[in-house]
Amino acid sequence: MDIWQAAQVLISQHGAQAESVAAKNFVELQKAGDTDGAAIWTAIMIAIQKLRTADATADEPESGAA
C-alpha cells in the first residue's frame, strides 16, 4: 500500500478524524524512536490534507458559470 492509498483508507474509515488518527500514530512512533515510521505518518498526514483540498476544490462552483 502506498502513501496515497493509506490516506484514502484512513479517510474512508475515519472520515473527519483521519488526520487525527494519523497524527496519533505519528506521535506514538516518534516517542518510540521510530523516525522512519514517523516520517511515513507525516507523509500520510500531508496526503490527507492534499486529498481534502482537492475534494474541496472539486466541489466549488466554476467561476463565471451561468
C-alpha atoms as a PDB file:
ATOM      1  CA  MET A   1       0.000   0.000   0.000  1.00  0.00           C
ATOM      2  CA  ASP A   2       1.394   3.400  -0.886  1.00  0.00           C
ATOM      3  CA  ILE A   3       1.019   6.715   0.934  1.00  0.00           C
ATOM      4  CA  TRP A   4      -1.966   7.883  -1.146  1.00  0.00           C
ATOM      5  CA  GLN A   5      -3.799   4.588  -0.667  1.00  0.00           C
ATOM      6  CA  ALA A   6      -3.167   4.714   3.086  1.00  0.00           C
ATOM      7  CA  ALA A   7      -4.530   8.270   3.218  1.00  0.00           C
ATOM      8  CA  GLN A   8      -7.641   7.256   1.273  1.00  0.00           C
ATOM      9  CA  VAL A   9      -8.231   4.254   3.549  1.00  0.00           C
ATOM     10  CA  LEU A  10      -7.933   6.456   6.643  1.00  0.00           C
ATOM     11  CA  ILE A  11     -10.386   8.982   5.201  1.00  0.00           C
ATOM     12  CA  SER A  12     -12.771   6.170   4.284  1.00  0.00           C
ATOM     13  CA  GLN A  13     -12.556   4.538   7.722  1.00  0.00           C
ATOM     14  CA  HIS A  14     -12.294   7.615   9.963  1.00  0.00           C
ATOM     15  CA  GLY A  15     -13.820  10.490   7.978  1.00  0.00           C
ATOM     16  CA  ALA A  16     -13.150  13.845   9.608  1.00  0.00           C
ATOM     17  CA  GLN A  17     -10.921  12.170  12.212  1.00  0.00           C
ATOM     18  CA  ALA A  18      -8.494  10.697   9.653  1.00  0.00           C
ATOM     19  CA  GLU A  19      -5.840  13.334  10.205  1.00  0.00           C
ATOM     20  CA  SER A  20      -6.100  12.959  13.985  1.00  0.00           C
ATOM     21  CA  VAL A  21      -5.638   9.194  13.687  1.00  0.00           C
ATOM     22  CA  ALA A  22      -2.560   9.715  11.515  1.00  0.00           C
ATOM     23  CA  ALA A  23      -1.193  12.294  13.964  1.00  0.00           C
ATOM     24  CA  LYS A  24      -1.669   9.887  16.873  1.00  0.00           C
ATOM     25  CA  ASN A  25       0.268   7.184  15.033  1.00  0.00           C
ATOM     26  CA  PHE A  26       2.987   9.717  14.202  1.00  0.00           C
ATOM     27  CA  VAL A  27       3.370  10.722  17.865  1.00  0.00           C
ATOM     28  CA  GLU A  28       3.461   7.123  19.078  1.00  0.00           C
ATOM     29  CA  LEU A  29       6.195   6.169  16.620  1.00  0.00           C
ATOM     30  CA  GLN A  30       8.167   9.336  17.288  1.00  0.00           C
ATOM     31  CA  LYS A  31       8.083   8.645  21.045  1.00  0.00           C
ATOM     32  CA  ALA A  32       9.249   5.080  20.351  1.00  0.00           C
ATOM     33  CA  GLY A  33      12.202   6.451  18.379  1.00  0.00           C
ATOM     34  CA  ASP A  34      10.957   5.079  15.058  1.00  0.00           C
ATOM     35  CA  THR A  35      11.897   8.021  12.852  1.00  0.00           C
ATOM     36  CA  ASP A  36      11.213   6.127   9.610  1.00  0.00           C
ATOM     37  CA  GLY A  37       7.717   5.172  10.747  1.00  0.00           C
ATOM     38  CA  ALA A  38       7.055   8.709  11.961  1.00  0.00           C
ATOM     39  CA  ALA A  39       8.167  10.069   8.571  1.00  0.00           C
ATOM     40  CA  ILE A  40       5.699   7.770   6.818  1.00  0.00           C
ATOM     41  CA  TRP A  41       2.850   9.028   9.001  1.00  0.00           C
ATOM     42  CA  THR A  42       3.907  12.606   8.267  1.00  0.00           C
ATOM     43  CA  ALA A  43       3.612  11.831   4.558  1.00  0.00           C
ATOM     44  CA  ILE A  44       0.191  10.270   5.141  1.00  0.00           C
ATOM     45  CA  MET A  45      -0.986  13.395   7.003  1.00  0.00           C
ATOM     46  CA  ILE A  46       0.166  15.572   4.094  1.00  0.00           C
ATOM     47  CA  ALA A  47      -1.611  13.271   1.618  1.00  0.00           C
ATOM     48  CA  ILE A  48      -4.831  13.515   3.663  1.00  0.00           C
ATOM     49  CA  GLN A  49      -4.604  17.316   3.581  1.00  0.00           C
ATOM     50  CA  LYS A  50      -3.997  17.331  -0.183  1.00  0.00           C
ATOM     51  CA  LEU A  51      -6.849  14.916  -0.858  1.00  0.00           C
ATOM     52  CA  ARG A  52      -9.217  17.032   1.211  1.00  0.00           C
ATOM     53  CA  THR A  53      -8.076  20.215  -0.533  1.00  0.00           C
ATOM     54  CA  ALA A  54      -8.583  18.564  -3.917  1.00  0.00           C
ATOM     55  CA  ASP A  55     -12.064  17.387  -2.891  1.00  0.00           C
ATOM     56  CA  ALA A  56     -12.996  20.856  -1.618  1.00  0.00           C
ATOM     57  CA  THR A  57     -11.756  22.470  -4.826  1.00  0.00           C
ATOM     58  CA  ALA A  58     -13.711  19.973  -6.933  1.00  0.00           C
ATOM     59  CA  ASP A  59     -16.882  20.850  -5.012  1.00  0.00           C
ATOM     60  CA  GLU A  60     -16.562  24.589  -5.682  1.00  0.00           C
ATOM     61  CA  PRO A  61     -18.733  26.003  -8.466  1.00  0.00           C
ATOM     62  CA  GLU A  62     -16.876  27.186 -11.541  1.00  0.00           C
ATOM     63  CA  SER A  63     -16.380  30.933 -11.702  1.00  0.00           C
ATOM     64  CA  GLY A  64     -18.286  32.556 -14.481  1.00  0.00           C
ATOM     65  CA  ALA A  65     -20.757  29.702 -14.741  1.00  0.00           C
ATOM     66  CA  ALA A  66     -24.174  30.832 -15.946  1.00  0.00           C
END
